Amino acid sequence: MALNVGKLPVLLLVVQNLLSLFNIGLVLTCWAYWWTPSARNWGWAVLGLLTFPAQYIYASAVMSEMLLQTAVVALAVSSILFIKRPKYRYFAGVMGALILALLLKPVFYPLTGGLAAIGLLVAWWRKKWKLALLGVVPLLVAGLYMQWNEQRTGYFHFSSIAEINLLHYNAAGVVRQQAGPAAEDAWVKQVLQKANAQPTFALRQQLIRTEATAVLWAHPLVYARQQALGMAAFFLDPGRFDISQFVGLKPPIGGGLLAQARSGGLLQALANLPWGLLVLLAVVLLANVARLALAVRGLLLVRKGGRLMRAGSWLAVGLLLYVATVTGPLGAARFLLPVWPLLLGLALVGLQGPTKGHLSVSQQAAAMRED
């Protein structure tokens, strides 16, 4: 892809690349401290870093993914610090990071209710009611934003992307699997015609939600398979779209690989890819499978660590599964990117394994004190 430096926001791209390096470096630093990896495992770690192209592609693109990744890392670090030392400033850091994340991507705004409830429980447990007030702040921000949208559009909502995804991906995907692409196109056009005929934006969005939800309820098993496929793609997608866009390849006829997999044309789509790209995608896919397997192994290994290590690992798993679930049928490498450092951290623990390089004596003592 030819780049004209004079037309690029160079400072922004420099900042994004620095954030990318910072996020990765923070994960590596924590791993090196707790697990004292061998030189061989450092080599495997570098290879693991090089086989996730989305980390570097989106650091060099004018998009919000890298800033969102930094917000998620800040949320995780603040949470771990609060678990270690329950101070107001750390809890405020968690809430501040969540506010930044939800303002960058709507996928994080449902977390506001959950963290508000956690804030209330922790406040009741520790008898520190300021924590309850801090926990409600992100929920208040989301509510005020939704009210602002209602003043502008007449519809109380956080983002219209919810109805867009519900119609064009969730429900449309079900219709496609049931009756084929032609039926999908006809159904989407029919719903949009009815929606656009509504007198207000609020009625338009409500109609879309009603029609799309009816399809999902009518075919729950079909949608469950679609959801499962999307969540698998969330963790394993090698990023064909990202790489193709970055190097300037034309998009494949018939849509992306996931869309063609749903319609049964995956093998034909793969056969039409350039051999170099196909080999690269195969390498990244294998690396993604290995990282996921190592992450599961790492989660099992941290049972031997202290309370802080266990809590941090389950926090990472919770955020990974949350984003994968909410993303649903849209699962792709780009949507994994914001939480990828958490997956990387678990995979690095799994890479180390229960060897003599597990925990140093002083670190074992620290873990025992945490318990």
Protein backbone atom coordinates (compact mmCIF):
# COMPACT_ATOMS: atom_id res chain seq x y z
CA MET A 1 0.00 0.00 0.00
CA ALA A 2 1.57 3.26 -1.12
CA LEU A 3 1.75 5.84 1.64
CA ASN A 4 2.02 9.60 1.21
CA VAL A 5 3.67 10.86 4.39
CA GLY A 6 2.59 14.42 3.68
CA LYS A 7 -1.07 13.38 3.97
CA LEU A 8 -0.69 11.21 7.08
CA PRO A 9 -1.25 12.38 10.66
CA VAL A 10 2.31 11.36 11.53
CA LEU A 11 2.14 12.39 15.19
CA LEU A 12 -1.00 10.32 15.76
CA LEU A 13 0.58 7.25 14.16
CA VAL A 14 3.73 7.68 16.25
CA VAL A 15 1.64 7.86 19.42
CA GLN A 16 -0.35 4.76 18.41
CA ASN A 17 2.82 2.77 17.71
CA LEU A 18 4.27 3.86 21.05
CA LEU A 19 1.08 2.72 22.77
CA SER A 20 1.31 -0.61 20.96
CA LEU A 21 4.89 -1.10 22.16
CA PHE A 22 3.93 0.00 25.68
CA ASN A 23 1.04 -2.47 25.92
CA ILE A 24 3.16 -5.37 24.70
CA GLY A 25 6.10 -4.33 26.82
CA LEU A 26 3.96 -4.20 29.94
CA VAL A 27 2.73 -7.75 29.38
CA LEU A 28 6.28 -8.99 28.76
CA THR A 29 7.58 -7.20 31.85
CA CYS A 30 4.97 -8.79 34.10
CA TRP A 31 5.67 -12.21 32.59
CA ALA A 32 9.43 -11.82 33.04
CA TYR A 33 9.01 -10.77 36.67
CA TRP A 34 6.66 -13.53 37.77
CA TRP A 35 7.88 -16.43 35.65
CA THR A 36 11.60 -15.77 34.97
CA PRO A 37 11.47 -17.22 31.41
CA SER A 38 14.38 -18.97 29.78
CA ALA A 39 16.15 -17.66 26.68
CA ARG A 40 14.35 -20.30 24.61
CA ASN A 41 10.96 -19.16 25.83
CA TRP A 42 11.89 -15.56 25.09
CA GLY A 43 12.45 -16.67 21.50
CA TRP A 44 9.03 -18.31 21.37
CA ALA A 45 7.50 -15.18 22.89
CA VAL A 46 9.00 -12.99 20.16
CA LEU A 47 7.69 -15.39 17.53
CA GLY A 48 4.26 -15.16 19.15
CA LEU A 49 4.40 -11.37 18.97
CA LEU A 50 5.31 -11.40 15.29
CA THR A 51 2.44 -13.70 14.33
CA PHE A 52 -0.41 -11.36 15.23
CA PRO A 53 -0.33 -8.83 12.34
CA ALA A 54 -3.36 -6.86 13.55
CA GLN A 55 -1.29 -5.44 16.43
CA TYR A 56 0.99 -3.65 13.98
CA ILE A 57 -1.50 -2.97 11.20
CA TYR A 58 -3.90 -1.03 13.44
CA ALA A 59 -1.08 0.79 15.20
CA SER A 60 -0.41 2.31 11.77
CA ALA A 61 -4.05 3.05 10.89
CA VAL A 62 -6.12 6.06 11.89
CA MET A 63 -8.61 4.11 13.98
CA SER A 64 -9.48 3.84 17.67
CA GLU A 65 -8.38 0.22 18.17
CA MET A 66 -4.96 0.95 19.69
CA LEU A 67 -6.28 3.61 22.05
CA LEU A 68 -9.03 1.17 23.07
CA GLN A 69 -6.44 -1.54 23.69
CA THR A 70 -4.58 0.85 25.98
CA ALA A 71 -7.79 1.62 27.85
CA VAL A 72 -8.43 -2.11 28.36
CA VAL A 73 -4.86 -2.66 29.59
CA ALA A 74 -5.30 0.29 31.98
CA LEU A 75 -8.58 -1.22 33.20
CA ALA A 76 -6.92 -4.58 33.85
CA VAL A 77 -3.87 -3.06 35.58
CA SER A 78 -6.01 -0.79 37.75
CA SER A 79 -8.21 -3.74 38.71
CA ILE A 80 -5.19 -5.83 39.73
CA LEU A 81 -3.75 -2.94 41.74
CA PHE A 82 -7.09 -2.51 43.49
CA ILE A 83 -7.25 -6.22 44.32
CA LYS A 84 -3.75 -5.96 45.78
CA ARG A 85 -4.36 -2.70 47.65
CA PRO A 86 -8.01 -1.60 47.72
CA LYS A 87 -7.44 2.14 47.52
CA TYR A 88 -9.78 4.71 46.03
CA ARG A 89 -7.33 5.86 43.38
CA TYR A 90 -7.05 2.37 41.89
CA PHE A 91 -10.81 1.92 41.77
CA ALA A 92 -11.09 5.36 40.19
CA GLY A 93 -8.55 4.16 37.61
CA VAL A 94 -10.78 1.20 36.78
CA MET A 95 -13.79 3.46 36.29
CA GLY A 96 -11.83 6.03 34.29
CA ALA A 97 -10.51 3.34 31.96
CA LEU A 98 -14.02 1.93 31.50
CA ILE A 99 -15.40 5.38 30.67
CA LEU A 100 -12.70 5.87 28.03
CA ALA A 101 -13.37 2.39 26.60
CA LEU A 102 -17.14 2.82 26.33
CA LEU A 103 -16.75 6.24 24.68
CA LEU A 104 -14.39 4.69 22.14
CA LYS A 105 -16.47 1.57 21.40
CA PRO A 106 -20.11 0.92 22.40
CA VAL A 107 -19.27 -2.75 23.07
CA PHE A 108 -18.04 -1.76 26.54
CA TYR A 109 -21.01 0.25 27.74
CA PRO A 110 -22.99 -2.78 29.03
CA LEU A 111 -20.15 -3.33 31.51
CA THR A 112 -21.19 -0.17 33.35
CA GLY A 113 -24.06 -1.95 35.06
CA GLY A 114 -21.90 -4.88 36.12
CA LEU A 115 -19.15 -2.71 37.55
CA ALA A 116 -21.69 -0.54 39.35
CA ALA A 117 -23.00 -3.69 41.05
CA ILE A 118 -19.44 -4.77 41.89
CA GLY A 119 -18.78 -1.33 43.34
CA LEU A 120 -21.82 -1.67 45.60
CA LEU A 121 -20.76 -5.15 46.78
CA VAL A 122 -17.18 -4.10 47.49
CA ALA A 123 -18.38 -0.94 49.25
CA TRP A 124 -20.71 -2.99 51.45
CA TRP A 125 -18.00 -5.56 52.16
CA ARG A 126 -15.32 -3.01 53.09
CA LYS A 127 -17.69 -0.40 54.51
CA LYS A 128 -16.24 2.21 52.16
CA TRP A 129 -19.22 3.83 50.49
CA LYS A 130 -17.12 6.10 48.29
CA LEU A 131 -16.43 2.99 46.23
CA ALA A 132 -20.16 2.69 45.51
CA LEU A 133 -20.21 6.29 44.29
CA LEU A 134 -17.17 5.72 42.08
CA GLY A 135 -18.72 2.54 40.69
CA VAL A 136 -21.83 4.40 39.54
CA VAL A 137 -19.89 7.07 37.61
CA PRO A 138 -19.50 5.05 34.34
CA LEU A 139 -23.19 4.11 34.49
CA LEU A 140 -24.05 7.77 34.94
CA VAL A 141 -21.85 8.75 32.00
CA ALA A 142 -23.52 6.13 29.80
CA GLY A 143 -26.97 7.29 30.91
CA LEU A 144 -26.19 10.94 30.21
CA TYR A 145 -24.83 10.02 26.79
CA MET A 146 -27.99 8.05 26.01
CA GLN A 147 -30.12 10.97 27.16
CA TRP A 148 -28.13 13.30 24.91
CA ASN A 149 -28.80 10.95 22.00
CA GLU A 150 -32.49 10.99 22.89
CA GLN A 151 -32.55 14.79 22.77
CA ARG A 152 -30.99 14.71 19.30
CA THR A 153 -32.90 11.77 17.80
CA GLY A 154 -35.93 11.12 20.02
CA TYR A 155 -34.63 7.60 20.74
CA PHE A 156 -33.04 6.71 24.08
CA HIS A 157 -30.01 4.67 23.04
CA PHE A 158 -26.24 4.56 23.34
CA SER A 159 -25.38 3.79 19.70
CA SER A 160 -27.33 2.87 16.59
CA ILE A 161 -24.66 0.26 15.80
CA ALA A 162 -26.68 -2.15 17.96
CA GLU A 163 -29.62 -2.16 15.54
CA ILE A 164 -27.28 -2.20 12.53
CA ASN A 165 -25.52 -5.33 13.74
CA LEU A 166 -28.78 -6.94 14.83
CA LEU A 167 -30.30 -6.48 11.38
CA HIS A 168 -27.41 -6.84 8.93
CA TYR A 169 -25.38 -9.50 10.71
CA ASN A 170 -27.25 -11.37 13.46
CA ALA A 171 -30.70 -11.75 11.92
CA ALA A 172 -29.58 -11.51 8.29
CA GLY A 173 -27.05 -14.27 8.92
CA VAL A 174 -29.82 -16.53 10.23
CA VAL A 175 -31.97 -15.86 7.15
CA ARG A 176 -28.96 -16.55 4.91
CA GLN A 177 -28.31 -19.91 6.56
CA GLN A 178 -32.00 -20.84 6.37
CA ALA A 179 -32.88 -19.70 2.86
CA GLY A 180 -29.74 -18.47 1.06
CA PRO A 181 -28.23 -15.10 0.01
CA ALA A 182 -31.14 -14.05 -2.20
CA ALA A 183 -33.65 -14.48 0.61
CA GLU A 184 -31.34 -12.61 2.95
CA ASP A 185 -31.11 -9.61 0.60
CA ALA A 186 -34.88 -9.58 0.06
CA TRP A 187 -35.60 -9.76 3.79
CA VAL A 188 -33.18 -6.97 4.69
CA LYS A 189 -34.63 -4.72 1.96
CA GLN A 190 -38.15 -5.43 3.16
CA VAL A 191 -37.31 -4.56 6.77
CA LEU A 192 -35.48 -1.38 5.73
CA GLN A 193 -38.41 -0.27 3.56
CA LYS A 194 -40.79 -0.67 6.49
CA ALA A 195 -38.35 0.98 8.87
CA ASN A 196 -37.67 3.97 6.61
CA ALA A 197 -41.40 4.52 6.25
CA GLN A 198 -41.75 5.18 9.98
CA PRO A 199 -42.42 8.81 10.97
CA THR A 200 -39.65 9.01 13.59
CA PHE A 201 -36.15 7.66 14.11
CA ALA A 202 -37.24 6.01 17.36
CA LEU A 203 -40.02 4.05 15.64
CA ARG A 204 -37.60 3.12 12.85
CA GLN A 205 -35.07 1.61 15.26
CA GLN A 206 -37.76 -0.12 17.31
CA LEU A 207 -39.18 -1.76 14.18
CA ILE A 208 -35.74 -3.00 13.15
CA ARG A 209 -35.17 -4.43 16.61
CA THR A 210 -38.60 -6.11 16.65
CA GLU A 211 -38.24 -7.68 13.18
CA ALA A 212 -34.68 -8.86 13.78
CA THR A 213 -35.38 -10.24 17.24
CA ALA A 214 -38.37 -12.18 15.90
CA VAL A 215 -36.07 -13.96 13.43
CA LEU A 216 -33.59 -14.88 16.16
CA TRP A 217 -36.33 -16.23 18.43
CA ALA A 218 -37.79 -18.23 15.54
CA HIS A 219 -34.46 -19.98 14.85
CA PRO A 220 -32.51 -20.13 18.13
CA LEU A 221 -30.34 -23.11 17.18
CA VAL A 222 -29.31 -21.56 13.89
CA TYR A 223 -28.35 -18.38 15.65
CA ALA A 224 -26.51 -20.34 18.36
CA ARG A 225 -24.36 -21.96 15.67
CA GLN A 226 -23.75 -18.57 14.11
CA GLN A 227 -22.77 -17.15 17.50
CA ALA A 228 -20.41 -20.05 18.16
CA LEU A 229 -18.78 -19.66 14.74
CA GLY A 230 -18.32 -15.94 15.34
CA MET A 231 -16.74 -16.52 18.76
CA ALA A 232 -14.36 -19.08 17.27
CA ALA A 233 -13.42 -16.60 14.56
CA PHE A 234 -12.88 -13.96 17.26
CA PHE A 235 -10.01 -16.00 18.70
CA LEU A 236 -8.70 -17.71 15.56
CA ASP A 237 -9.27 -15.34 12.61
CA PRO A 238 -5.88 -14.82 10.87
CA GLY A 239 -6.95 -11.37 9.66
CA ARG A 240 -7.33 -11.81 5.92
CA PHE A 241 -9.26 -8.55 5.67
CA ASP A 242 -6.73 -6.60 7.73
CA ILE A 243 -3.71 -7.85 5.78
CA SER A 244 -5.41 -7.43 2.40
CA GLN A 245 -6.39 -3.85 3.17
CA PHE A 246 -2.93 -3.03 4.47
CA VAL A 247 -1.14 -4.29 1.35
CA GLY A 248 -3.84 -3.02 -1.03
CA LEU A 249 -5.35 -6.29 -2.32
CA LYS A 250 -8.80 -6.23 -3.87
CA PRO A 251 -11.60 -7.67 -1.68
CA PRO A 252 -12.68 -11.20 -2.65
CA ILE A 253 -15.86 -11.69 -4.64
CA GLY A 254 -18.65 -12.98 -2.42
CA GLY A 255 -17.59 -11.26 0.81
CA GLY A 256 -15.09 -12.19 3.51
CA LEU A 257 -13.93 -15.69 4.42
CA LEU A 258 -16.33 -15.97 7.37
CA ALA A 259 -19.30 -15.00 5.20
CA GLN A 260 -18.25 -17.48 2.55
CA ALA A 261 -17.75 -20.19 5.17
CA ARG A 262 -21.37 -19.72 6.23
CA SER A 263 -22.54 -20.07 2.63
CA GLY A 264 -20.34 -23.08 1.88
CA GLY A 265 -17.89 -21.33 -0.46
CA LEU A 266 -14.83 -21.21 1.79
CA LEU A 267 -12.63 -23.55 -0.25
CA GLN A 268 -13.31 -21.64 -3.45
CA ALA A 269 -12.50 -18.36 -1.70
CA LEU A 270 -9.21 -19.76 -0.39
CA ALA A 271 -8.28 -21.04 -3.84
CA ASN A 272 -8.61 -17.52 -5.24
CA LEU A 273 -6.17 -15.99 -2.75
CA PRO A 274 -2.54 -15.28 -3.72
CA TRP A 275 -0.21 -18.08 -2.58
CA GLY A 276 1.93 -15.76 -0.49
CA LEU A 277 -1.09 -14.45 1.40
CA LEU A 278 -2.44 -17.97 1.82
CA VAL A 279 0.81 -19.16 3.41
CA LEU A 280 0.88 -16.13 5.73
CA LEU A 281 -2.72 -16.71 6.79
CA ALA A 282 -1.95 -20.38 7.49
CA VAL A 283 1.00 -19.42 9.71
CA VAL A 284 -1.06 -16.84 11.63
CA LEU A 285 -3.95 -19.29 12.03
CA LEU A 286 -1.62 -21.95 13.48
CA ALA A 287 -0.14 -19.33 15.80
CA ASN A 288 -3.63 -18.31 16.93
CA VAL A 289 -4.52 -21.92 17.70
CA ALA A 290 -1.28 -22.36 19.65
CA ARG A 291 -1.83 -19.11 21.58
CA LEU A 292 -5.35 -20.11 22.55
CA ALA A 293 -4.19 -23.56 23.71
CA LEU A 294 -1.34 -22.00 25.70
CA ALA A 295 -3.75 -19.49 27.25
CA VAL A 296 -5.96 -22.33 28.51
CA ARG A 297 -2.85 -24.06 29.87
CA GLY A 298 -1.74 -20.82 31.50
CA LEU A 299 -5.09 -20.44 33.23
CA LEU A 300 -4.64 -23.91 34.73
CA LEU A 301 -1.09 -23.15 35.84
CA VAL A 302 -1.89 -19.96 37.73
CA ARG A 303 -3.70 -22.05 40.32
CA LYS A 304 -0.21 -22.51 41.78
CA GLY A 305 0.27 -18.77 42.03
CA GLY A 306 -0.98 -16.33 44.63
CA ARG A 307 -4.36 -14.70 45.02
CA LEU A 308 -3.33 -11.73 42.91
CA MET A 309 -2.13 -13.90 40.04
CA ARG A 310 -5.31 -15.97 40.08
CA ALA A 311 -7.53 -12.90 40.22
CA GLY A 312 -5.67 -11.25 37.33
CA SER A 313 -6.00 -14.38 35.21
CA TRP A 314 -9.74 -14.71 35.78
CA LEU A 315 -10.14 -11.00 35.08
CA ALA A 316 -8.42 -11.53 31.73
CA VAL A 317 -10.64 -14.52 30.95
CA GLY A 318 -13.75 -12.58 31.89
CA LEU A 319 -12.93 -9.65 29.62
CA LEU A 320 -11.97 -11.95 26.75
CA LEU A 321 -15.20 -13.94 26.96
CA TYR A 322 -17.29 -10.80 27.43
CA VAL A 323 -15.96 -9.14 24.27
CA ALA A 324 -16.16 -12.41 22.31
CA THR A 325 -19.78 -12.92 23.37
CA VAL A 326 -20.92 -9.37 22.68
CA THR A 327 -19.12 -9.33 19.32
CA GLY A 328 -20.91 -12.55 18.40
CA PRO A 329 -21.19 -13.37 14.68
CA LEU A 330 -18.88 -10.45 13.81
CA GLY A 331 -15.86 -12.16 15.37
CA ALA A 332 -12.59 -11.17 13.68
CA ALA A 333 -8.98 -10.29 14.49
CA ARG A 334 -9.79 -6.58 14.66
CA PHE A 335 -12.29 -7.14 17.45
CA LEU A 336 -9.84 -9.31 19.39
CA LEU A 337 -7.17 -6.60 19.20
CA PRO A 338 -8.34 -4.50 22.19
CA VAL A 339 -8.15 -7.49 24.55
CA TRP A 340 -5.31 -9.34 22.81
CA PRO A 341 -2.67 -8.37 25.43
CA LEU A 342 -4.75 -10.26 28.00
CA LEU A 343 -4.76 -13.38 25.81
CA LEU A 344 -1.04 -12.92 25.21
CA GLY A 345 -0.35 -12.76 28.94
CA LEU A 346 -2.18 -16.02 29.59
CA ALA A 347 -0.44 -17.67 26.64
CA LEU A 348 2.98 -16.62 27.94
CA VAL A 349 2.20 -18.23 31.29
CA GLY A 350 1.18 -21.39 29.45
CA LEU A 351 4.36 -21.23 27.41
CA GLN A 352 6.51 -21.19 30.54
CA GLY A 353 4.83 -24.21 32.06
CA PRO A 354 5.53 -25.84 35.42
CA THR A 355 9.31 -25.92 34.91
CA LYS A 356 12.15 -24.90 37.20
CA GLY A 357 11.70 -21.41 35.77
CA HIS A 358 8.24 -21.25 37.35
CA LEU A 359 8.51 -18.79 40.26
CA SER A 360 11.59 -17.63 42.10
CA VAL A 361 11.84 -18.22 45.85
CA SER A 362 11.08 -14.60 46.67
CA GLN A 363 8.13 -14.59 44.27
CA GLN A 364 6.77 -17.80 45.83
CA ALA A 365 6.97 -16.11 49.22
CA ALA A 366 5.12 -13.08 47.83
CA ALA A 367 2.42 -15.34 46.40
CA MET A 368 2.02 -17.06 49.78
CA ARG A 369 1.64 -13.69 51.50
CA GLU A 370 -1.10 -12.76 49.02
CA ASP A 371 -3.04 -15.87 50.03
